[in-house]
């Protein structure tokens, strides 16, 4: 796919995600209104059949035909990226690390599991959460396709996080770049990083 096609595909995919059930096919331009009829004059002879038939340009293919995946499948990828990020950013000092990990594993590729296990068992993070009696609940507030190839799609997921602790309640927002790879007719999360870090 050329870089122009990739940009067009990503733009269309992002637009599709933003509008949900909107049609992904670009509408054909409206026909121009017929010019007002003019009275016939003797100075301009009528066109003869010798001029040949008029030809019209074939309509351009819809941008959806340039995508390596159907719009419906891209929406499924974005939905999975959102669910994964919400689970990733939701945790509690009372929750065993294995429980947090178990919520993520069914959505993750096997290659990501070692990194997830390492994150789940980070002793420094766990000690900090326990000391402050911290818990977090995340809600996805935005989805946008950033990169699209025949073998993967990267979705930028914006999540709002509500954190409660012994010291009070706070709110934060973060962007995550979630890369997914096809798995049969579905998807699996292959990587997650802060949106500013990469995954492009």
N, C-alpha and C. Protein backbone atom coordinates (compact mmCIF):
# COMPACT_ATOMS: atom_id res chain seq x y z
N UNK A 1 0.87 -1.19 0.00
CA UNK A 1 0.00 0.00 0.00
C UNK A 1 0.90 1.23 0.00
N UNK A 2 0.65 2.16 -0.84
CA UNK A 2 1.43 3.38 -0.90
C UNK A 2 1.18 4.19 0.35
N UNK A 3 2.11 5.16 0.60
CA UNK A 3 1.91 6.00 1.79
C UNK A 3 0.62 6.78 1.69
N UNK A 4 0.25 7.21 0.46
CA UNK A 4 -1.01 7.94 0.30
C UNK A 4 -2.19 7.05 0.64
N UNK A 5 -2.15 5.81 0.19
CA UNK A 5 -3.24 4.89 0.50
C UNK A 5 -3.30 4.60 1.98
N UNK A 6 -2.11 4.48 2.63
CA UNK A 6 -2.10 4.22 4.07
C UNK A 6 -2.71 5.36 4.84
N UNK A 7 -2.36 6.61 4.42
CA UNK A 7 -2.95 7.76 5.11
C UNK A 7 -4.45 7.80 4.91
N UNK A 8 -4.87 7.51 3.69
CA UNK A 8 -6.31 7.51 3.42
C UNK A 8 -7.02 6.43 4.21
N UNK A 9 -6.38 5.26 4.30
CA UNK A 9 -7.00 4.17 5.05
C UNK A 9 -7.11 4.50 6.52
N UNK A 10 -6.02 5.07 7.08
CA UNK A 10 -6.07 5.41 8.50
C UNK A 10 -7.10 6.48 8.78
N UNK A 11 -7.19 7.47 7.86
CA UNK A 11 -8.18 8.52 8.05
C UNK A 11 -9.58 7.96 7.99
N UNK A 12 -9.84 7.08 7.03
CA UNK A 12 -11.17 6.50 6.92
C UNK A 12 -11.49 5.63 8.12
N UNK A 13 -10.49 4.85 8.56
CA UNK A 13 -10.73 4.00 9.71
C UNK A 13 -11.04 4.82 10.94
N UNK A 14 -10.27 5.91 11.14
CA UNK A 14 -10.53 6.77 12.30
C UNK A 14 -11.90 7.39 12.21
N UNK A 15 -12.29 7.80 11.01
CA UNK A 15 -13.61 8.38 10.84
C UNK A 15 -14.69 7.36 11.12
N UNK A 16 -14.45 6.13 10.68
CA UNK A 16 -15.43 5.06 10.92
C UNK A 16 -15.61 4.82 12.40
N UNK A 17 -14.49 4.82 13.14
CA UNK A 17 -14.58 4.58 14.58
C UNK A 17 -15.32 5.72 15.26
N UNK A 18 -15.09 6.92 14.76
CA UNK A 18 -15.72 8.06 15.42
C UNK A 18 -17.22 8.09 15.20
N UNK A 19 -17.66 7.59 14.04
CA UNK A 19 -19.09 7.71 13.78
C UNK A 19 -19.84 6.40 13.98
N UNK A 20 -19.15 5.37 14.42
CA UNK A 20 -19.83 4.12 14.74
C UNK A 20 -20.46 3.51 13.53
N UNK A 21 -21.78 3.58 13.41
CA UNK A 21 -22.48 2.90 12.33
C UNK A 21 -22.56 3.70 11.05
N UNK A 22 -21.80 4.79 10.94
CA UNK A 22 -21.88 5.58 9.72
C UNK A 22 -21.43 4.75 8.52
N UNK A 23 -21.91 5.11 7.36
CA UNK A 23 -21.46 4.44 6.14
C UNK A 23 -20.02 4.81 5.88
N UNK A 24 -19.21 3.82 5.46
CA UNK A 24 -17.81 4.11 5.19
C UNK A 24 -17.58 4.42 3.72
N UNK A 25 -18.59 4.30 2.90
CA UNK A 25 -18.41 4.61 1.50
C UNK A 25 -18.62 6.09 1.27
N UNK A 26 -17.70 6.66 0.52
CA UNK A 26 -17.84 8.08 0.25
C UNK A 26 -19.03 8.29 -0.68
N UNK A 27 -19.86 9.28 -0.40
CA UNK A 27 -21.01 9.53 -1.29
C UNK A 27 -20.53 10.04 -2.63
N UNK A 28 -21.23 9.64 -3.67
CA UNK A 28 -20.90 10.18 -4.98
C UNK A 28 -21.29 11.65 -5.01
N UNK A 29 -20.48 12.47 -5.69
CA UNK A 29 -20.84 13.89 -5.74
C UNK A 29 -22.19 14.09 -6.40
N UNK A 30 -22.94 15.05 -5.90
CA UNK A 30 -24.27 15.33 -6.45
C UNK A 30 -24.13 15.81 -7.88
N UNK A 31 -25.09 15.41 -8.70
CA UNK A 31 -25.06 15.83 -10.10
C UNK A 31 -25.26 17.33 -10.19
N UNK A 32 -24.50 17.95 -11.07
CA UNK A 32 -24.64 19.39 -11.25
C UNK A 32 -25.99 19.69 -11.87
N UNK A 33 -26.63 20.77 -11.48
CA UNK A 33 -27.93 21.11 -12.07
C UNK A 33 -27.79 21.38 -13.56
N UNK A 34 -28.81 20.97 -14.31
CA UNK A 34 -28.77 21.18 -15.75
C UNK A 34 -28.80 22.67 -16.05
N UNK A 35 -27.98 23.10 -17.00
CA UNK A 35 -27.99 24.54 -17.32
C UNK A 35 -29.35 24.95 -17.89
N UNK A 36 -29.68 26.19 -17.67
CA UNK A 36 -30.95 26.70 -18.18
C UNK A 36 -30.95 26.62 -19.70
N UNK A 37 -32.10 26.25 -20.26
CA UNK A 37 -32.20 26.12 -21.71
C UNK A 37 -32.06 27.47 -22.37
N UNK A 38 -31.35 27.46 -23.49
CA UNK A 38 -31.15 28.71 -24.23
C UNK A 38 -31.89 28.62 -25.54
N UNK A 39 -32.40 29.69 -26.00
CA UNK A 39 -33.08 29.66 -27.29
C UNK A 39 -32.10 29.34 -28.40
N UNK A 40 -32.56 28.55 -29.35
CA UNK A 40 -31.69 28.17 -30.46
C UNK A 40 -31.39 29.38 -31.31
N UNK A 41 -30.16 29.47 -31.77
CA UNK A 41 -29.77 30.56 -32.65
C UNK A 41 -29.17 29.98 -33.91
N UNK A 42 -29.20 30.73 -34.95
CA UNK A 42 -28.66 30.25 -36.22
C UNK A 42 -27.16 30.34 -36.25
N UNK A 43 -26.54 31.08 -35.27
CA UNK A 43 -25.09 31.24 -35.28
C UNK A 43 -24.38 30.03 -34.69
N UNK A 44 -25.06 29.13 -33.95
CA UNK A 44 -24.43 27.97 -33.33
C UNK A 44 -25.15 26.72 -33.80
N UNK A 45 -24.58 26.00 -34.76
CA UNK A 45 -25.26 24.81 -35.27
C UNK A 45 -25.33 23.73 -34.22
N UNK A 46 -26.36 22.88 -34.31
CA UNK A 46 -26.50 21.76 -33.37
C UNK A 46 -25.39 20.76 -33.59
N UNK A 47 -25.00 20.07 -32.52
CA UNK A 47 -23.94 19.07 -32.61
C UNK A 47 -24.41 17.93 -33.49
N UNK A 48 -23.53 17.45 -34.31
CA UNK A 48 -23.89 16.35 -35.20
C UNK A 48 -23.47 15.03 -34.59
N UNK A 49 -24.02 13.95 -35.10
CA UNK A 49 -23.68 12.63 -34.62
C UNK A 49 -22.24 12.29 -34.91
N UNK A 50 -21.59 13.03 -35.81
CA UNK A 50 -20.20 12.72 -36.17
C UNK A 50 -19.24 13.02 -35.04
N UNK A 51 -19.67 13.83 -34.09
CA UNK A 51 -18.76 14.15 -32.98
C UNK A 51 -18.53 12.96 -32.07
N UNK A 52 -19.33 11.92 -32.16
CA UNK A 52 -19.13 10.71 -31.37
C UNK A 52 -19.82 10.79 -30.03
N UNK A 53 -19.95 9.63 -29.36
CA UNK A 53 -20.63 9.61 -28.06
C UNK A 53 -19.81 10.29 -26.99
N UNK A 54 -20.49 10.82 -26.03
CA UNK A 54 -19.82 11.46 -24.89
C UNK A 54 -19.35 10.39 -23.92
N UNK A 55 -18.18 10.55 -23.35
CA UNK A 55 -17.65 9.59 -22.38
C UNK A 55 -17.66 10.23 -21.00
N UNK A 56 -17.96 9.43 -20.00
CA UNK A 56 -17.94 9.92 -18.61
C UNK A 56 -16.91 9.12 -17.82
N UNK A 57 -16.23 9.79 -16.92
CA UNK A 57 -15.21 9.13 -16.11
C UNK A 57 -15.86 8.12 -15.17
N UNK A 58 -15.19 6.98 -15.00
CA UNK A 58 -15.69 5.97 -14.07
C UNK A 58 -15.56 6.50 -12.65
N UNK A 59 -16.54 6.21 -11.78
CA UNK A 59 -16.44 6.70 -10.40
C UNK A 59 -15.23 6.09 -9.68
N UNK A 60 -14.58 6.88 -8.85
CA UNK A 60 -13.43 6.39 -8.09
C UNK A 60 -13.89 5.34 -7.09
N UNK A 61 -13.05 4.33 -6.84
CA UNK A 61 -13.44 3.31 -5.87
C UNK A 61 -13.52 3.91 -4.47
N UNK A 62 -14.39 3.42 -3.62
CA UNK A 62 -14.49 3.94 -2.26
C UNK A 62 -13.20 3.67 -1.49
N UNK A 63 -12.89 4.55 -0.54
CA UNK A 63 -11.68 4.38 0.25
C UNK A 63 -11.67 3.06 1.01
N UNK A 64 -12.85 2.54 1.32
CA UNK A 64 -12.91 1.28 2.06
C UNK A 64 -12.20 0.16 1.31
N UNK A 65 -12.16 0.25 -0.03
CA UNK A 65 -11.52 -0.81 -0.80
C UNK A 65 -10.01 -0.78 -0.65
N UNK A 66 -9.43 0.31 -0.12
CA UNK A 66 -7.99 0.41 0.09
C UNK A 66 -7.55 -0.18 1.43
N UNK A 67 -8.48 -0.47 2.30
CA UNK A 67 -8.14 -0.95 3.64
C UNK A 67 -7.76 -2.43 3.61
N UNK A 68 -6.73 -2.83 4.39
CA UNK A 68 -6.40 -4.25 4.47
C UNK A 68 -7.42 -5.05 5.28
N UNK A 69 -8.26 -4.36 6.06
CA UNK A 69 -9.30 -5.02 6.86
C UNK A 69 -10.61 -4.26 6.63
N UNK A 70 -11.71 -4.97 6.78
CA UNK A 70 -13.00 -4.32 6.61
C UNK A 70 -13.24 -3.32 7.74
N UNK A 71 -14.03 -2.29 7.49
CA UNK A 71 -14.34 -1.34 8.56
C UNK A 71 -14.92 -2.01 9.80
N UNK A 72 -15.75 -3.03 9.60
CA UNK A 72 -16.34 -3.72 10.76
C UNK A 72 -15.25 -4.41 11.58
N UNK A 73 -14.27 -4.97 10.91
CA UNK A 73 -13.20 -5.65 11.64
C UNK A 73 -12.30 -4.64 12.35
N UNK A 74 -12.10 -3.48 11.76
CA UNK A 74 -11.33 -2.44 12.42
C UNK A 74 -12.06 -1.93 13.66
N UNK A 75 -13.37 -1.84 13.58
CA UNK A 75 -14.14 -1.45 14.76
C UNK A 75 -13.98 -2.49 15.87
N UNK A 76 -13.94 -3.76 15.49
CA UNK A 76 -13.74 -4.82 16.48
C UNK A 76 -12.37 -4.70 17.13
N UNK A 77 -11.35 -4.35 16.34
CA UNK A 77 -10.00 -4.16 16.88
C UNK A 77 -9.98 -3.01 17.87
N UNK A 78 -10.62 -1.90 17.51
CA UNK A 78 -10.65 -0.74 18.40
C UNK A 78 -11.40 -1.07 19.69
N UNK A 79 -12.49 -1.83 19.58
CA UNK A 79 -13.25 -2.20 20.78
C UNK A 79 -12.40 -3.05 21.71
N UNK A 80 -11.63 -3.99 21.15
CA UNK A 80 -10.77 -4.82 21.97
C UNK A 80 -9.67 -3.99 22.62
N UNK A 81 -9.11 -3.06 21.86
CA UNK A 81 -8.09 -2.17 22.42
C UNK A 81 -8.65 -1.38 23.60
N UNK A 82 -9.90 -0.94 23.47
CA UNK A 82 -10.53 -0.21 24.57
C UNK A 82 -10.73 -1.09 25.79
N UNK A 83 -11.22 -2.30 25.61
CA UNK A 83 -11.43 -3.21 26.74
C UNK A 83 -10.11 -3.55 27.43
N UNK A 84 -9.10 -3.80 26.63
CA UNK A 84 -7.80 -4.14 27.20
C UNK A 84 -7.24 -2.98 28.02
N UNK A 85 -7.34 -1.77 27.48
CA UNK A 85 -6.80 -0.60 28.19
C UNK A 85 -7.57 -0.34 29.48
N UNK A 86 -8.88 -0.50 29.44
CA UNK A 86 -9.68 -0.30 30.66
C UNK A 86 -9.25 -1.30 31.74
N UNK A 87 -9.00 -2.55 31.35
CA UNK A 87 -8.55 -3.55 32.32
C UNK A 87 -7.13 -3.26 32.79
N UNK A 88 -6.28 -2.81 31.88
CA UNK A 88 -4.89 -2.48 32.19
C UNK A 88 -4.81 -1.36 33.23
N UNK A 89 -5.64 -0.36 33.09
CA UNK A 89 -5.60 0.82 33.96
C UNK A 89 -6.52 0.72 35.17
N UNK A 90 -7.12 -0.45 35.39
CA UNK A 90 -7.99 -0.64 36.56
C UNK A 90 -7.32 -1.67 37.49
N UNK A 91 -7.15 -1.30 38.74
CA UNK A 91 -6.48 -2.18 39.69
C UNK A 91 -6.83 -1.76 41.11
N UNK A 92 -6.47 -2.58 42.07
CA UNK A 92 -6.74 -2.28 43.47
C UNK A 92 -5.64 -2.88 44.35
N UNK A 93 -5.33 -2.19 45.41
CA UNK A 93 -4.32 -2.71 46.34
C UNK A 93 -4.80 -4.00 47.00
N UNK A 94 -6.11 -4.23 46.99
CA UNK A 94 -6.66 -5.45 47.57
C UNK A 94 -6.75 -6.60 46.55
N UNK A 95 -6.49 -6.32 45.30
CA UNK A 95 -6.61 -7.32 44.24
C UNK A 95 -5.30 -8.09 44.08
N UNK A 96 -5.34 -9.40 44.11
CA UNK A 96 -4.11 -10.18 43.88
C UNK A 96 -3.58 -9.91 42.47
N UNK A 97 -2.26 -9.85 42.29
CA UNK A 97 -1.71 -9.63 40.95
C UNK A 97 -2.21 -10.65 39.94
N UNK A 98 -2.43 -11.87 40.37
CA UNK A 98 -2.90 -12.91 39.45
C UNK A 98 -4.28 -12.59 38.90
N UNK A 99 -5.11 -11.93 39.69
CA UNK A 99 -6.46 -11.58 39.23
C UNK A 99 -6.40 -10.49 38.16
N UNK A 100 -5.53 -9.50 38.37
CA UNK A 100 -5.34 -8.46 37.35
C UNK A 100 -4.82 -9.08 36.07
N UNK A 101 -3.86 -9.98 36.19
CA UNK A 101 -3.27 -10.64 35.04
C UNK A 101 -4.31 -11.50 34.31
N UNK A 102 -5.15 -12.19 35.06
CA UNK A 102 -6.15 -13.07 34.45
C UNK A 102 -7.15 -12.29 33.60
N UNK A 103 -7.41 -11.03 33.96
CA UNK A 103 -8.34 -10.22 33.17
C UNK A 103 -7.75 -9.82 31.82
N UNK A 104 -6.42 -9.75 31.75
CA UNK A 104 -5.75 -9.30 30.52
C UNK A 104 -5.38 -10.44 29.59
N UNK A 105 -5.02 -11.58 30.14
CA UNK A 105 -4.47 -12.67 29.34
C UNK A 105 -5.35 -13.14 28.18
N UNK A 106 -6.66 -13.27 28.34
CA UNK A 106 -7.47 -13.73 27.20
C UNK A 106 -7.45 -12.79 26.01
N UNK A 107 -7.09 -11.53 26.23
CA UNK A 107 -7.08 -10.55 25.15
C UNK A 107 -5.70 -10.36 24.55
N UNK A 108 -4.68 -10.99 25.14
CA UNK A 108 -3.29 -10.73 24.77
C UNK A 108 -2.68 -11.88 23.98
N UNK A 109 -1.76 -11.52 23.08
CA UNK A 109 -0.99 -12.52 22.36
C UNK A 109 -0.02 -13.18 23.33
N UNK A 110 0.39 -14.40 23.02
CA UNK A 110 1.30 -15.14 23.89
C UNK A 110 2.62 -14.38 24.08
N UNK A 111 3.06 -13.66 23.05
CA UNK A 111 4.33 -12.94 23.15
C UNK A 111 4.28 -11.80 24.16
N UNK A 112 3.08 -11.32 24.51
CA UNK A 112 2.95 -10.21 25.46
C UNK A 112 2.85 -10.69 26.90
N UNK A 113 2.55 -11.95 27.11
CA UNK A 113 2.30 -12.45 28.46
C UNK A 113 3.48 -12.27 29.42
N UNK A 114 4.75 -12.49 29.01
CA UNK A 114 5.85 -12.25 29.96
C UNK A 114 5.90 -10.82 30.47
N UNK A 115 5.65 -9.85 29.58
CA UNK A 115 5.66 -8.45 30.01
C UNK A 115 4.50 -8.15 30.94
N UNK A 116 3.35 -8.77 30.69
CA UNK A 116 2.20 -8.58 31.58
C UNK A 116 2.48 -9.17 32.95
N UNK A 117 3.08 -10.35 32.99
CA UNK A 117 3.40 -10.99 34.27
C UNK A 117 4.39 -10.15 35.06
N UNK A 118 5.35 -9.56 34.36
CA UNK A 118 6.32 -8.70 35.03
C UNK A 118 5.65 -7.47 35.62
N UNK A 119 4.74 -6.87 34.85
CA UNK A 119 4.03 -5.69 35.34
C UNK A 119 3.14 -6.03 36.52
N UNK A 120 2.51 -7.19 36.46
CA UNK A 120 1.60 -7.59 37.55
C UNK A 120 2.35 -7.81 38.85
N UNK A 121 3.59 -8.27 38.77
CA UNK A 121 4.33 -8.59 39.98
C UNK A 121 5.36 -7.56 40.41
N UNK A 122 5.27 -6.35 39.87
CA UNK A 122 6.24 -5.30 40.23
C UNK A 122 6.10 -4.97 41.72
N UNK A 123 7.10 -5.36 42.49
CA UNK A 123 7.01 -5.22 43.96
C UNK A 123 6.95 -3.77 44.40
N UNK A 124 7.70 -2.92 43.72
CA UNK A 124 7.69 -1.51 44.10
C UNK A 124 6.33 -0.88 43.91
N UNK A 125 5.70 -1.17 42.78
CA UNK A 125 4.37 -0.62 42.50
C UNK A 125 3.34 -1.18 43.47
N UNK A 126 3.42 -2.50 43.72
CA UNK A 126 2.46 -3.13 44.63
C UNK A 126 2.60 -2.58 46.04
N UNK A 127 3.83 -2.35 46.49
CA UNK A 127 4.05 -1.81 47.83
C UNK A 127 3.50 -0.40 47.96
N UNK A 128 3.68 0.40 46.89
CA UNK A 128 3.17 1.78 46.91
C UNK A 128 1.64 1.79 46.97
N UNK A 129 1.02 0.91 46.22
CA UNK A 129 -0.44 0.86 46.22
C UNK A 129 -0.98 0.40 47.57
N UNK A 130 -0.31 -0.58 48.15
CA UNK A 130 -0.75 -1.08 49.45
C UNK A 130 -0.58 -0.02 50.53
N UNK A 131 0.55 0.67 50.51
CA UNK A 131 0.82 1.70 51.53
C UNK A 131 -0.22 2.81 51.47
N UNK A 132 -0.65 3.16 50.26
CA UNK A 132 -1.62 4.24 50.12
C UNK A 132 -3.05 3.76 50.01
N UNK A 133 -3.24 2.44 50.09
CA UNK A 133 -4.57 1.85 49.91
C UNK A 133 -5.23 2.39 48.64
N UNK A 134 -4.51 2.27 47.55
CA UNK A 134 -4.92 2.86 46.29
C UNK A 134 -5.70 1.86 45.43
N UNK A 135 -6.68 2.39 44.73
CA UNK A 135 -7.44 1.61 43.75
C UNK A 135 -7.78 2.53 42.58
N UNK A 136 -7.83 1.97 41.40
CA UNK A 136 -8.10 2.78 40.21
C UNK A 136 -9.15 2.10 39.34
N UNK A 137 -10.02 2.93 38.78
CA UNK A 137 -11.03 2.45 37.82
C UNK A 137 -10.91 3.30 36.57
N UNK A 138 -10.73 2.64 35.42
CA UNK A 138 -10.50 3.36 34.17
C UNK A 138 -11.72 3.27 33.26
N UNK A 139 -11.96 4.35 32.55
CA UNK A 139 -13.04 4.42 31.56
C UNK A 139 -12.46 4.95 30.26
N UNK A 140 -12.73 4.27 29.16
CA UNK A 140 -12.23 4.70 27.86
C UNK A 140 -13.05 5.89 27.36
N UNK A 141 -12.35 6.95 26.96
CA UNK A 141 -13.03 8.16 26.50
C UNK A 141 -12.77 8.46 25.03
N UNK A 142 -11.83 7.76 24.40
CA UNK A 142 -11.54 8.04 23.00
C UNK A 142 -10.78 6.91 22.33
N UNK A 143 -11.06 6.68 21.05
CA UNK A 143 -10.39 5.67 20.24
C UNK A 143 -10.06 6.27 18.88
N UNK A 144 -8.85 6.03 18.39
CA UNK A 144 -8.48 6.51 17.06
C UNK A 144 -7.39 5.61 16.49
N UNK A 145 -7.53 5.25 15.23
CA UNK A 145 -6.51 4.43 14.57
C UNK A 145 -5.32 5.33 14.22
N UNK A 146 -4.11 4.91 14.64
CA UNK A 146 -2.91 5.67 14.31
C UNK A 146 -2.10 5.02 13.19
N UNK A 147 -2.10 3.71 13.14
CA UNK A 147 -1.30 3.03 12.12
C UNK A 147 -2.04 1.78 11.66
N UNK A 148 -1.91 1.47 10.37
CA UNK A 148 -2.64 0.34 9.81
C UNK A 148 -1.78 -0.31 8.75
N UNK A 149 -1.52 -1.60 8.89
CA UNK A 149 -0.77 -2.38 7.91
C UNK A 149 -1.55 -3.66 7.65
N UNK A 150 -1.16 -4.45 6.65
CA UNK A 150 -1.84 -5.72 6.43
C UNK A 150 -1.70 -6.70 7.59
N UNK A 151 -0.73 -6.46 8.49
CA UNK A 151 -0.53 -7.40 9.59
C UNK A 151 -0.81 -6.87 10.97
N UNK A 152 -1.21 -5.60 11.09
CA UNK A 152 -1.46 -5.06 12.42
C UNK A 152 -2.23 -3.75 12.33
N UNK A 153 -2.77 -3.35 13.47
CA UNK A 153 -3.40 -2.04 13.58
C UNK A 153 -3.06 -1.48 14.96
N UNK A 154 -2.68 -0.21 15.00
CA UNK A 154 -2.37 0.45 16.27
C UNK A 154 -3.47 1.46 16.56
N UNK A 155 -4.07 1.33 17.72
CA UNK A 155 -5.18 2.18 18.14
C UNK A 155 -4.73 3.04 19.32
N UNK A 156 -4.96 4.32 19.23
CA UNK A 156 -4.70 5.22 20.36
C UNK A 156 -5.95 5.22 21.23
N UNK A 157 -5.77 4.81 22.46
CA UNK A 157 -6.88 4.72 23.42
C UNK A 157 -6.66 5.78 24.50
N UNK A 158 -7.63 6.64 24.68
CA UNK A 158 -7.58 7.62 25.76
C UNK A 158 -8.45 7.12 26.89
N UNK A 159 -7.87 7.07 28.08
CA UNK A 159 -8.58 6.53 29.24
C UNK A 159 -8.56 7.52 30.38
N UNK A 160 -9.71 7.69 31.01
CA UNK A 160 -9.82 8.51 32.23
C UNK A 160 -9.77 7.56 33.42
N UNK A 161 -8.98 7.94 34.40
CA UNK A 161 -8.76 7.07 35.56
C UNK A 161 -9.18 7.78 36.84
N UNK A 162 -10.02 7.11 37.61
CA UNK A 162 -10.43 7.61 38.92
C UNK A 162 -9.67 6.81 39.97
N UNK A 163 -8.84 7.51 40.76
CA UNK A 163 -8.00 6.84 41.76
C UNK A 163 -8.48 7.22 43.15
N UNK A 164 -8.78 6.23 43.95
CA UNK A 164 -9.14 6.45 45.35
C UNK A 164 -8.01 5.92 46.23
N UNK A 165 -7.76 6.63 47.31
CA UNK A 165 -6.68 6.26 48.23
C UNK A 165 -7.03 6.74 49.62
N UNK A 166 -6.21 6.34 50.57
CA UNK A 166 -6.44 6.79 51.95
C UNK A 166 -6.30 8.30 52.07
N UNK A 167 -5.58 8.90 51.13
CA UNK A 167 -5.38 10.36 51.17
C UNK A 167 -6.46 11.13 50.43
N UNK A 168 -7.35 10.44 49.73
CA UNK A 168 -8.40 11.14 49.00
C UNK A 168 -8.61 10.56 47.61
N UNK A 169 -9.28 11.32 46.77
CA UNK A 169 -9.61 10.88 45.41
C UNK A 169 -8.98 11.82 44.39
N UNK A 170 -8.51 11.26 43.31
CA UNK A 170 -7.92 12.06 42.24
C UNK A 170 -8.32 11.48 40.89
N UNK A 171 -8.17 12.30 39.86
CA UNK A 171 -8.49 11.88 38.50
C UNK A 171 -7.30 12.15 37.59
N UNK A 172 -7.15 11.29 36.60
CA UNK A 172 -6.09 11.50 35.62
C UNK A 172 -6.56 10.97 34.27
N UNK A 173 -5.83 11.35 33.23
CA UNK A 173 -6.15 10.88 31.88
C UNK A 173 -4.86 10.50 31.19
N UNK A 174 -4.87 9.43 30.44
CA UNK A 174 -3.66 8.96 29.77
C UNK A 174 -4.02 8.41 28.40
N UNK A 175 -3.05 8.51 27.49
CA UNK A 175 -3.23 7.93 26.16
C UNK A 175 -2.32 6.73 26.00
N UNK A 176 -2.85 5.67 25.43
CA UNK A 176 -2.09 4.43 25.22
C UNK A 176 -2.13 4.05 23.75
N UNK A 177 -0.99 3.59 23.25
CA UNK A 177 -0.91 3.05 21.89
C UNK A 177 -0.99 1.53 22.01
N UNK A 178 -2.09 0.97 21.54
CA UNK A 178 -2.32 -0.47 21.63
C UNK A 178 -2.23 -1.06 20.23
N UNK A 179 -1.28 -1.97 20.04
CA UNK A 179 -1.10 -2.62 18.75
C UNK A 179 -1.71 -4.02 18.80
N UNK A 180 -2.53 -4.30 17.80
CA UNK A 180 -3.22 -5.58 17.73
C UNK A 180 -2.83 -6.30 16.44
N UNK A 181 -2.81 -7.62 16.51
CA UNK A 181 -2.52 -8.45 15.35
C UNK A 181 -3.71 -9.37 15.09
N UNK A 182 -3.97 -9.70 13.83
CA UNK A 182 -5.09 -10.59 13.52
C UNK A 182 -4.87 -11.97 14.14
N UNK A 183 -5.96 -12.55 14.60
CA UNK A 183 -5.94 -13.92 15.14
C UNK A 183 -7.19 -14.62 14.63
N UNK A 184 -7.05 -15.34 13.53
CA UNK A 184 -8.23 -15.92 12.90
C UNK A 184 -9.14 -14.81 12.44
N UNK A 185 -10.39 -14.87 12.86
CA UNK A 185 -11.34 -13.82 12.50
C UNK A 185 -11.37 -12.71 13.54
N UNK A 186 -10.55 -12.84 14.59
CA UNK A 186 -10.53 -11.84 15.65
C UNK A 186 -9.19 -11.14 15.75
N UNK A 187 -8.90 -10.64 16.95
CA UNK A 187 -7.67 -9.89 17.20
C UNK A 187 -7.08 -10.30 18.54
N UNK A 188 -5.78 -10.06 18.71
CA UNK A 188 -5.10 -10.18 20.00
C UNK A 188 -4.20 -8.96 20.18
N UNK A 189 -4.09 -8.50 21.42
CA UNK A 189 -3.22 -7.36 21.72
C UNK A 189 -1.78 -7.84 21.69
N UNK A 190 -0.98 -7.18 20.90
CA UNK A 190 0.43 -7.55 20.74
C UNK A 190 1.35 -6.66 21.58
N UNK A 191 0.94 -5.41 21.83
CA UNK A 191 1.78 -4.49 22.59
C UNK A 191 0.93 -3.34 23.13
N UNK A 192 1.38 -2.76 24.24
CA UNK A 192 0.77 -1.55 24.78
C UNK A 192 1.87 -0.66 25.32
N UNK A 193 1.83 0.60 24.95
CA UNK A 193 2.81 1.59 25.40
C UNK A 193 2.12 2.93 25.57
N UNK A 194 2.74 3.84 26.32
CA UNK A 194 2.19 5.20 26.34
C UNK A 194 2.12 5.75 24.91
N UNK A 195 1.09 6.48 24.60
CA UNK A 195 0.88 6.95 23.23
C UNK A 195 2.05 7.78 22.72
N UNK A 196 2.74 8.49 23.61
CA UNK A 196 3.84 9.33 23.18
C UNK A 196 5.13 8.55 22.95
N UNK A 197 5.14 7.27 23.33
CA UNK A 197 6.38 6.50 23.30
C UNK A 197 6.66 5.84 21.96
N UNK A 198 5.62 5.47 21.23
CA UNK A 198 5.90 4.77 19.97
C UNK A 198 4.71 4.01 19.46
N UNK A 199 5.00 2.75 19.04
CA UNK A 199 3.97 1.90 18.40
C UNK A 199 3.51 2.48 17.09
N UNK A 200 4.43 3.11 16.34
CA UNK A 200 4.04 3.68 15.05
C UNK A 200 4.57 2.82 13.93
